[in-house]
Amino acid sequence: MSGNIKLFEYCLKYDSGETSETFEWDEELDGDELEAYDEFVADSRSIDESPLLGKVIERVAREILSGNLDDFILCDCGYELCVTIPGGAAG
């Protein structure tokens, strides 16, 4: 894995309270994003403390929602996509 590719995880949380299996997602980050990611992991920061990393998580979520939900069995109930950084807080 290239040094500018970082790991994210995602799952669906359904309105019923159930949570799907967790899947991995690799995302290429630029210099500032890499620094924010590494600081987040090293310092166990909250995602609220890093607006830049919050934007990265939003980007990852958009990419997943735009065509990568094939791994899930979707129902008519509502759901929320949750993107996280392994070892970090929820996004």
PDB file of N, CA and C in Angstrom:
ATOM      1  N   MET A   1       0.854  -1.178   0.000  1.00  0.00           N
ATOM      2  CA  MET A   1       0.000   0.000   0.000  1.00  0.00           C
ATOM      3  C   MET A   1       0.895   1.234   0.000  1.00  0.00           C
ATOM      4  N   SER A   2       0.611   2.166  -0.881  1.00  0.00           N
ATOM      5  CA  SER A   2       1.359   3.408  -0.994  1.00  0.00           C
ATOM      6  C   SER A   2       1.208   4.223   0.290  1.00  0.00           C
ATOM      7  N   GLY A   3       2.210   5.056   0.591  1.00  0.00           N
ATOM      8  CA  GLY A   3       2.183   5.857   1.801  1.00  0.00           C
ATOM      9  C   GLY A   3       1.071   6.877   1.847  1.00  0.00           C
ATOM     10  N   ASN A   4       0.549   7.271   0.669  1.00  0.00           N
ATOM     11  CA  ASN A   4      -0.528   8.267   0.674  1.00  0.00           C
ATOM     12  C   ASN A   4      -1.912   7.623   0.605  1.00  0.00           C
ATOM     13  N   ILE A   5      -1.967   6.295   0.670  1.00  0.00           N
ATOM     14  CA  ILE A   5      -3.237   5.569   0.731  1.00  0.00           C
ATOM     15  C   ILE A   5      -3.480   5.199   2.186  1.00  0.00           C
ATOM     16  N   LYS A   6      -4.618   5.625   2.715  1.00  0.00           N
ATOM     17  CA  LYS A   6      -4.939   5.346   4.116  1.00  0.00           C
ATOM     18  C   LYS A   6      -6.234   4.547   4.211  1.00  0.00           C
ATOM     19  N   LEU A   7      -6.343   3.797   5.289  1.00  0.00           N
ATOM     20  CA  LEU A   7      -7.468   2.892   5.508  1.00  0.00           C
ATOM     21  C   LEU A   7      -8.595   3.570   6.269  1.00  0.00           C
ATOM     22  N   PHE A   8      -9.801   3.379   5.778  1.00  0.00           N
ATOM     23  CA  PHE A   8     -11.030   3.782   6.450  1.00  0.00           C
ATOM     24  C   PHE A   8     -11.903   2.536   6.561  1.00  0.00           C
ATOM     25  N   GLU A   9     -12.864   2.561   7.447  1.00  0.00           N
ATOM     26  CA  GLU A   9     -13.836   1.476   7.570  1.00  0.00           C
ATOM     27  C   GLU A   9     -15.228   2.066   7.481  1.00  0.00           C
ATOM     28  N   TYR A  10     -16.176   1.258   6.994  1.00  0.00           N
ATOM     29  CA  TYR A  10     -17.548   1.739   6.904  1.00  0.00           C
ATOM     30  C   TYR A  10     -18.534   0.613   7.149  1.00  0.00           C
ATOM     31  N   CYS A  11     -19.692   1.019   7.638  1.00  0.00           N
ATOM     32  CA  CYS A  11     -20.799   0.101   7.874  1.00  0.00           C
ATOM     33  C   CYS A  11     -22.091   0.896   7.788  1.00  0.00           C
ATOM     34  N   LEU A  12     -23.184   0.206   7.790  1.00  0.00           N
ATOM     35  CA  LEU A  12     -24.490   0.851   7.833  1.00  0.00           C
ATOM     36  C   LEU A  12     -25.106   0.622   9.202  1.00  0.00           C
ATOM     37  N   LYS A  13     -25.694   1.664   9.744  1.00  0.00           N
ATOM     38  CA  LYS A  13     -26.476   1.561  10.970  1.00  0.00           C
ATOM     39  C   LYS A  13     -27.922   1.796  10.581  1.00  0.00           C
ATOM     40  N   TYR A  14     -28.748   0.789  10.810  1.00  0.00           N
ATOM     41  CA  TYR A  14     -30.153   0.835  10.416  1.00  0.00           C
ATOM     42  C   TYR A  14     -31.001   1.455  11.522  1.00  0.00           C
ATOM     43  N   ASP A  15     -32.128   2.016  11.131  1.00  0.00           N
ATOM     44  CA  ASP A  15     -33.056   2.596  12.101  1.00  0.00           C
ATOM     45  C   ASP A  15     -33.509   1.575  13.135  1.00  0.00           C
ATOM     46  N   SER A  16     -33.476   0.302  12.765  1.00  0.00           N
ATOM     47  CA  SER A  16     -33.881  -0.761  13.684  1.00  0.00           C
ATOM     48  C   SER A  16     -32.886  -0.952  14.825  1.00  0.00           C
ATOM     49  N   GLY A  17     -31.700  -0.314  14.692  1.00  0.00           N
ATOM     50  CA  GLY A  17     -30.672  -0.463  15.706  1.00  0.00           C
ATOM     51  C   GLY A  17     -29.595  -1.464  15.324  1.00  0.00           C
ATOM     52  N   GLU A  18     -29.847  -2.240  14.275  1.00  0.00           N
ATOM     53  CA  GLU A  18     -28.856  -3.210  13.824  1.00  0.00           C
ATOM     54  C   GLU A  18     -27.747  -2.507  13.059  1.00  0.00           C
ATOM     55  N   THR A  19     -26.574  -3.128  13.067  1.00  0.00           N
ATOM     56  CA  THR A  19     -25.422  -2.610  12.340  1.00  0.00           C
ATOM     57  C   THR A  19     -24.930  -3.688  11.390  1.00  0.00           C
ATOM     58  N   SER A  20     -24.561  -3.274  10.184  1.00  0.00           N
ATOM     59  CA  SER A  20     -24.066  -4.219   9.192  1.00  0.00           C
ATOM     60  C   SER A  20     -22.641  -4.650   9.512  1.00  0.00           C
ATOM     61  N   GLU A  21     -22.159  -5.570   8.723  1.00  0.00           N
ATOM     62  CA  GLU A  21     -20.753  -5.942   8.755  1.00  0.00           C
ATOM     63  C   GLU A  21     -19.923  -4.706   8.399  1.00  0.00           C
ATOM     64  N   THR A  22     -18.705  -4.643   8.888  1.00  0.00           N
ATOM     65  CA  THR A  22     -17.808  -3.528   8.589  1.00  0.00           C
ATOM     66  C   THR A  22     -16.902  -3.900   7.424  1.00  0.00           C
ATOM     67  N   PHE A  23     -16.720  -2.951   6.512  1.00  0.00           N
ATOM     68  CA  PHE A  23     -15.892  -3.143   5.337  1.00  0.00           C
ATOM     69  C   PHE A  23     -14.763  -2.116   5.333  1.00  0.00           C
ATOM     70  N   GLU A  24     -13.686  -2.426   4.616  1.00  0.00           N
ATOM     71  CA  GLU A  24     -12.549  -1.522   4.520  1.00  0.00           C
ATOM     72  C   GLU A  24     -12.614  -0.705   3.232  1.00  0.00           C
ATOM     73  N   TRP A  25     -12.035   0.490   3.299  1.00  0.00           N
ATOM     74  CA  TRP A  25     -11.977   1.394   2.150  1.00  0.00           C
ATOM     75  C   TRP A  25     -10.613   2.065   2.153  1.00  0.00           C
ATOM     76  N   ASP A  26      -9.902   2.011   1.045  1.00  0.00           N
ATOM     77  CA  ASP A  26      -8.629   2.700   0.893  1.00  0.00           C
ATOM     78  C   ASP A  26      -8.861   4.007   0.160  1.00  0.00           C
ATOM     79  N   GLU A  27      -8.306   5.085   0.676  1.00  0.00           N
ATOM     80  CA  GLU A  27      -8.481   6.411   0.073  1.00  0.00           C
ATOM     81  C   GLU A  27      -7.121   7.087  -0.059  1.00  0.00           C
ATOM     82  N   GLU A  28      -6.874   7.665  -1.222  1.00  0.00           N
ATOM     83  CA  GLU A  28      -5.641   8.412  -1.442  1.00  0.00           C
ATOM     84  C   GLU A  28      -5.803   9.814  -0.872  1.00  0.00           C
ATOM     85  N   LEU A  29      -4.848  10.205  -0.045  1.00  0.00           N
ATOM     86  CA  LEU A  29      -4.894  11.505   0.613  1.00  0.00           C
ATOM     87  C   LEU A  29      -3.728  12.365   0.138  1.00  0.00           C
ATOM     88  N   ASP A  30      -3.935  13.686   0.148  1.00  0.00           N
ATOM     89  CA  ASP A  30      -2.843  14.601  -0.197  1.00  0.00           C
ATOM     90  C   ASP A  30      -2.051  14.939   1.068  1.00  0.00           C
ATOM     91  N   GLY A  31      -1.045  15.795   0.957  1.00  0.00           N
ATOM     92  CA  GLY A  31      -0.144  16.097   2.070  1.00  0.00           C
ATOM     93  C   GLY A  31      -0.827  16.553   3.336  1.00  0.00           C
ATOM     94  N   ASP A  32      -1.700  17.572   3.240  1.00  0.00           N
ATOM     95  CA  ASP A  32      -2.391  18.078   4.428  1.00  0.00           C
ATOM     96  C   ASP A  32      -3.340  17.030   5.014  1.00  0.00           C
ATOM     97  N   GLU A  33      -4.006  16.299   4.130  1.00  0.00           N
ATOM     98  CA  GLU A  33      -4.926  15.247   4.589  1.00  0.00           C
ATOM     99  C   GLU A  33      -4.161  14.130   5.298  1.00  0.00           C
ATOM    100  N   LEU A  34      -2.993  13.765   4.737  1.00  0.00           N
ATOM    101  CA  LEU A  34      -2.162  12.732   5.374  1.00  0.00           C
ATOM    102  C   LEU A  34      -1.732  13.159   6.767  1.00  0.00           C
ATOM    103  N   GLU A  35      -1.314  14.404   6.886  1.00  0.00           N
ATOM    104  CA  GLU A  35      -0.886  14.926   8.186  1.00  0.00           C
ATOM    105  C   GLU A  35      -2.040  14.884   9.192  1.00  0.00           C
ATOM    106  N   ALA A  36      -3.221  15.306   8.755  1.00  0.00           N
ATOM    107  CA  ALA A  36      -4.391  15.289   9.642  1.00  0.00           C
ATOM    108  C   ALA A  36      -4.745  13.860  10.054  1.00  0.00           C
ATOM    109  N   TYR A  37      -4.695  12.921   9.108  1.00  0.00           N
ATOM    110  CA  TYR A  37      -4.996  11.514   9.386  1.00  0.00           C
ATOM    111  C   TYR A  37      -4.011  10.970  10.427  1.00  0.00           C
ATOM    112  N   ASP A  38      -2.710  11.183  10.177  1.00  0.00           N
ATOM    113  CA  ASP A  38      -1.686  10.652  11.081  1.00  0.00           C
ATOM    114  C   ASP A  38      -1.791  11.264  12.481  1.00  0.00           C
ATOM    115  N   GLU A  39      -2.068  12.563  12.555  1.00  0.00           N
ATOM    116  CA  GLU A  39      -2.247  13.215  13.864  1.00  0.00           C
ATOM    117  C   GLU A  39      -3.462  12.650  14.581  1.00  0.00           C
ATOM    118  N   PHE A  40      -4.533  12.418  13.841  1.00  0.00           N
ATOM    119  CA  PHE A  40      -5.753  11.870  14.408  1.00  0.00           C
ATOM    120  C   PHE A  40      -5.478  10.521  15.062  1.00  0.00           C
ATOM    121  N   VAL A  41      -4.785   9.649  14.325  1.00  0.00           N
ATOM    122  CA  VAL A  41      -4.497   8.305  14.821  1.00  0.00           C
ATOM    123  C   VAL A  41      -3.508   8.362  15.990  1.00  0.00           C
ATOM    124  N   ALA A  42      -2.453   9.150  15.855  1.00  0.00           N
ATOM    125  CA  ALA A  42      -1.407   9.206  16.887  1.00  0.00           C
ATOM    126  C   ALA A  42      -1.903   9.836  18.186  1.00  0.00           C
ATOM    127  N   ASP A  43      -2.739  10.862  18.060  1.00  0.00           N
ATOM    128  CA  ASP A  43      -3.166  11.612  19.239  1.00  0.00           C
ATOM    129  C   ASP A  43      -4.556  11.254  19.736  1.00  0.00           C
ATOM    130  N   SER A  44      -5.207  10.272  19.108  1.00  0.00           N
ATOM    131  CA  SER A  44      -6.569   9.873  19.470  1.00  0.00           C
ATOM    132  C   SER A  44      -7.492  11.086  19.562  1.00  0.00           C
ATOM    133  N   ARG A  45      -7.399  11.936  18.569  1.00  0.00           N
ATOM    134  CA  ARG A  45      -8.221  13.147  18.548  1.00  0.00           C
ATOM    135  C   ARG A  45      -9.653  12.843  18.151  1.00  0.00           C
ATOM    136  N   SER A  46     -10.508  13.778  18.450  1.00  0.00           N
ATOM    137  CA  SER A  46     -11.894  13.711  18.000  1.00  0.00           C
ATOM    138  C   SER A  46     -11.949  14.234  16.578  1.00  0.00           C
ATOM    139  N   ILE A  47     -12.848  13.688  15.774  1.00  0.00           N
ATOM    140  CA  ILE A  47     -12.996  14.150  14.393  1.00  0.00           C
ATOM    141  C   ILE A  47     -13.413  15.619  14.374  1.00  0.00           C
ATOM    142  N   ASP A  48     -14.079  16.084  15.429  1.00  0.00           N
ATOM    143  CA  ASP A  48     -14.485  17.488  15.520  1.00  0.00           C
ATOM    144  C   ASP A  48     -13.287  18.426  15.607  1.00  0.00           C
ATOM    145  N   GLU A  49     -12.145  17.904  16.030  1.00  0.00           N
ATOM    146  CA  GLU A  49     -10.936  18.708  16.149  1.00  0.00           C
ATOM    147  C   GLU A  49     -10.201  18.863  14.826  1.00  0.00           C
ATOM    148  N   SER A  50     -10.661  18.178  13.786  1.00  0.00           N
ATOM    149  CA  SER A  50      -9.980  18.218  12.497  1.00  0.00           C
ATOM    150  C   SER A  50     -10.992  18.423  11.374  1.00  0.00           C
ATOM    151  N   PRO A  51     -11.318  19.683  11.071  1.00  0.00           N
ATOM    152  CA  PRO A  51     -12.263  19.947   9.987  1.00  0.00           C
ATOM    153  C   PRO A  51     -11.817  19.356   8.655  1.00  0.00           C
ATOM    154  N   LEU A  52     -10.512  19.362   8.388  1.00  0.00           N
ATOM    155  CA  LEU A  52     -10.005  18.802   7.134  1.00  0.00           C
ATOM    156  C   LEU A  52     -10.301  17.312   7.056  1.00  0.00           C
ATOM    157  N   LEU A  53     -10.057  16.594   8.139  1.00  0.00           N
ATOM    158  CA  LEU A  53     -10.323  15.160   8.154  1.00  0.00           C
ATOM    159  C   LEU A  53     -11.819  14.886   8.069  1.00  0.00           C
ATOM    160  N   GLY A  54     -12.625  15.762   8.654  1.00  0.00           N
ATOM    161  CA  GLY A  54     -14.076  15.641   8.519  1.00  0.00           C
ATOM    162  C   GLY A  54     -14.491  15.721   7.057  1.00  0.00           C
ATOM    163  N   LYS A  55     -13.843  16.600   6.290  1.00  0.00           N
ATOM    164  CA  LYS A  55     -14.139  16.716   4.850  1.00  0.00           C
ATOM    165  C   LYS A  55     -13.700  15.463   4.102  1.00  0.00           C
ATOM    166  N   VAL A  56     -12.590  14.868   4.512  1.00  0.00           N
ATOM    167  CA  VAL A  56     -12.138  13.621   3.885  1.00  0.00           C
ATOM    168  C   VAL A  56     -13.163  12.518   4.133  1.00  0.00           C
ATOM    169  N   ILE A  57     -13.648  12.415   5.363  1.00  0.00           N
ATOM    170  CA  ILE A  57     -14.651  11.392   5.686  1.00  0.00           C
ATOM    171  C   ILE A  57     -15.927  11.622   4.886  1.00  0.00           C
ATOM    172  N   GLU A  58     -16.327  12.874   4.725  1.00  0.00           N
ATOM    173  CA  GLU A  58     -17.499  13.187   3.890  1.00  0.00           C
ATOM    174  C   GLU A  58     -17.265  12.757   2.443  1.00  0.00           C
ATOM    175  N   ARG A  59     -16.063  12.986   1.928  1.00  0.00           N
ATOM    176  CA  ARG A  59     -15.726  12.578   0.556  1.00  0.00           C
ATOM    177  C   ARG A  59     -15.788  11.061   0.410  1.00  0.00           C
ATOM    178  N   VAL A  60     -15.201  10.345   1.371  1.00  0.00           N
ATOM    179  CA  VAL A  60     -15.230   8.884   1.350  1.00  0.00           C
ATOM    180  C   VAL A  60     -16.678   8.395   1.380  1.00  0.00           C
ATOM    181  N   ALA A  61     -17.498   8.993   2.230  1.00  0.00           N
ATOM    182  CA  ALA A  61     -18.912   8.594   2.329  1.00  0.00           C
ATOM    183  C   ALA A  61     -19.627   8.814   0.999  1.00  0.00           C
ATOM    184  N   ARG A  62     -19.376   9.945   0.337  1.00  0.00           N
ATOM    185  CA  ARG A  62     -20.006  10.208  -0.970  1.00  0.00           C
ATOM    186  C   ARG A  62     -19.585   9.156  -1.995  1.00  0.00           C
ATOM    187  N   GLU A  63     -18.306   8.803  -1.994  1.00  0.00           N
ATOM    188  CA  GLU A  63     -17.814   7.787  -2.938  1.00  0.00           C
ATOM    189  C   GLU A  63     -18.469   6.437  -2.676  1.00  0.00           C
ATOM    190  N   ILE A  64     -18.591   6.074  -1.424  1.00  0.00           N
ATOM    191  CA  ILE A  64     -19.221   4.793  -1.076  1.00  0.00           C
ATOM    192  C   ILE A  64     -20.691   4.805  -1.490  1.00  0.00           C
ATOM    193  N   LEU A  65     -21.394   5.883  -1.161  1.00  0.00           N
ATOM    194  CA  LEU A  65     -22.818   5.971  -1.482  1.00  0.00           C
ATOM    195  C   LEU A  65     -23.084   6.046  -2.981  1.00  0.00           C
ATOM    196  N   SER A  66     -22.088   6.489  -3.762  1.00  0.00           N
ATOM    197  CA  SER A  66     -22.308   6.643  -5.194  1.00  0.00           C
ATOM    198  C   SER A  66     -22.166   5.343  -5.970  1.00  0.00           C
ATOM    199  N   GLY A  67     -22.011   4.227  -5.287  1.00  0.00           N
ATOM    200  CA  GLY A  67     -21.992   2.985  -6.036  1.00  0.00           C
ATOM    201  C   GLY A  67     -21.286   1.835  -5.373  1.00  0.00           C
ATOM    202  N   ASN A  68     -21.017   1.939  -4.113  1.00  0.00           N
ATOM    203  CA  ASN A  68     -20.290   0.871  -3.441  1.00  0.00           C
ATOM    204  C   ASN A  68     -21.103   0.232  -2.321  1.00  0.00           C
ATOM    205  N   LEU A  69     -22.413   0.231  -2.465  1.00  0.00           N
ATOM    206  CA  LEU A  69     -23.255  -0.390  -1.441  1.00  0.00           C
ATOM    207  C   LEU A  69     -23.668  -1.806  -1.831  1.00  0.00           C
ATOM    208  N   ASP A  70     -23.006  -2.374  -2.845  1.00  0.00           N
ATOM    209  CA  ASP A  70     -23.340  -3.723  -3.285  1.00  0.00           C
ATOM    210  C   ASP A  70     -23.118  -4.765  -2.202  1.00  0.00           C
ATOM    211  N   ASP A  71     -22.262  -4.462  -1.237  1.00  0.00           N
ATOM    212  CA  ASP A  71     -21.971  -5.407  -0.161  1.00  0.00           C
ATOM    213  C   ASP A  71     -23.116  -5.514   0.839  1.00  0.00           C
ATOM    214  N   PHE A  72     -24.075  -4.601   0.766  1.00  0.00           N
ATOM    215  CA  PHE A  72     -25.138  -4.531   1.761  1.00  0.00           C
ATOM    216  C   PHE A  72     -26.461  -5.031   1.214  1.00  0.00           C
ATOM    217  N   ILE A  73     -27.246  -5.582   2.090  1.00  0.00           N
ATOM    218  CA  ILE A  73     -28.628  -5.924   1.770  1.00  0.00           C
ATOM    219  C   ILE A  73     -29.454  -4.759   2.290  1.00  0.00           C
ATOM    220  N   LEU A  74     -29.931  -3.947   1.364  1.00  0.00           N
ATOM    221  CA  LEU A  74     -30.679  -2.756   1.760  1.00  0.00           C
ATOM    222  C   LEU A  74     -32.154  -3.098   1.902  1.00  0.00           C
ATOM    223  N   CYS A  75     -32.766  -2.532   2.895  1.00  0.00           N
ATOM    224  CA  CYS A  75     -34.186  -2.747   3.130  1.00  0.00           C
ATOM    225  C   CYS A  75     -34.900  -1.408   2.994  1.00  0.00           C
ATOM    226  N   ASP A  76     -36.191  -1.428   3.164  1.00  0.00           N
ATOM    227  CA  ASP A  76     -36.971  -0.195   3.071  1.00  0.00           C
ATOM    228  C   ASP A  76     -36.806   0.681   4.307  1.00  0.00           C
ATOM    229  N   CYS A  77     -36.195   0.128   5.343  1.00  0.00           N
ATOM    230  CA  CYS A  77     -35.994   0.919   6.551  1.00  0.00           C
ATOM    231  C   CYS A  77     -34.858   1.917   6.317  1.00  0.00           C
ATOM    232  N   GLY A  78     -34.801   2.922   7.139  1.00  0.00           N
ATOM    233  CA  GLY A  78     -33.754   3.921   7.003  1.00  0.00           C
ATOM    234  C   GLY A  78     -32.409   3.403   7.480  1.00  0.00           C
ATOM    235  N   TYR A  79     -31.372   4.034   6.989  1.00  0.00           N
ATOM    236  CA  TYR A  79     -30.032   3.665   7.421  1.00  0.00           C
ATOM    237  C   TYR A  79     -29.114   4.881   7.343  1.00  0.00           C
ATOM    238  N   GLU A  80     -28.008   4.784   8.060  1.00  0.00           N
ATOM    239  CA  GLU A  80     -26.987   5.822   8.051  1.00  0.00           C
ATOM    240  C   GLU A  80     -25.654   5.155   7.754  1.00  0.00           C
ATOM    241  N   LEU A  81     -24.899   5.716   6.826  1.00  0.00           N
ATOM    242  CA  LEU A  81     -23.576   5.226   6.536  1.00  0.00           C
ATOM    243  C   LEU A  81     -22.613   5.805   7.564  1.00  0.00           C
ATOM    244  N   CYS A  82     -21.837   4.938   8.195  1.00  0.00           N
ATOM    245  CA  CYS A  82     -20.861   5.373   9.187  1.00  0.00           C
ATOM    246  C   CYS A  82     -19.463   5.061   8.678  1.00  0.00           C
ATOM    247  N   VAL A  83     -18.662   6.103   8.512  1.00  0.00           N
ATOM    248  CA  VAL A  83     -17.273   5.954   8.058  1.00  0.00           C
ATOM    249  C   VAL A  83     -16.385   6.269   9.252  1.00  0.00           C
ATOM    250  N   THR A  84     -15.425   5.392   9.518  1.00  0.00           N
ATOM    251  CA  THR A  84     -14.527   5.583  10.654  1.00  0.00           C
ATOM    252  C   THR A  84     -13.085   5.363  10.217  1.00  0.00           C
ATOM    253  N   ILE A  85     -12.190   5.787  11.067  1.00  0.00           N
ATOM    254  CA  ILE A  85     -10.773   5.525  10.902  1.00  0.00           C
ATOM    255  C   ILE A  85     -10.414   4.471  11.926  1.00  0.00           C
ATOM    256  N   PRO A  86      -9.826   3.364  11.486  1.00  0.00           N
ATOM    257  CA  PRO A  86      -9.477   2.314  12.452  1.00  0.00           C
ATOM    258  C   PRO A  86      -8.631   2.886  13.591  1.00  0.00           C
ATOM    259  N   GLY A  87      -9.043   2.594  14.794  1.00  0.00           N
ATOM    260  CA  GLY A  87      -8.340   3.105  15.960  1.00  0.00           C
ATOM    261  C   GLY A  87      -8.765   4.511  16.343  1.00  0.00           C
ATOM    262  N   GLY A  88      -9.754   5.047  15.622  1.00  0.00           N
ATOM    263  CA  GLY A  88     -10.206   6.416  15.884  1.00  0.00           C
ATOM    264  C   GLY A  88     -11.665   6.459  16.217  1.00  0.00           C
ATOM    265  N   ALA A  89     -12.194   7.652  16.214  1.00  0.00           N
ATOM    266  CA  ALA A  89     -13.604   7.874  16.537  1.00  0.00           C
ATOM    267  C   ALA A  89     -14.451   7.788  15.280  1.00  0.00           C
ATOM    268  N   ALA A  90     -15.742   7.675  15.456  1.00  0.00           N
ATOM    269  CA  ALA A  90     -16.678   7.589  14.329  1.00  0.00           C
ATOM    270  C   ALA A  90     -16.729   8.896  13.596  1.00  0.00           C
ATOM    271  N   GLY A  91     -17.012   8.772  12.288  1.00  0.00           N
ATOM    272  CA  GLY A  91     -17.163   9.967  11.468  1.00  0.00           C
ATOM    273  C   GLY A  91     -18.584  10.212  11.111  1.00  0.00           C
TER     274      GLY A  91
END
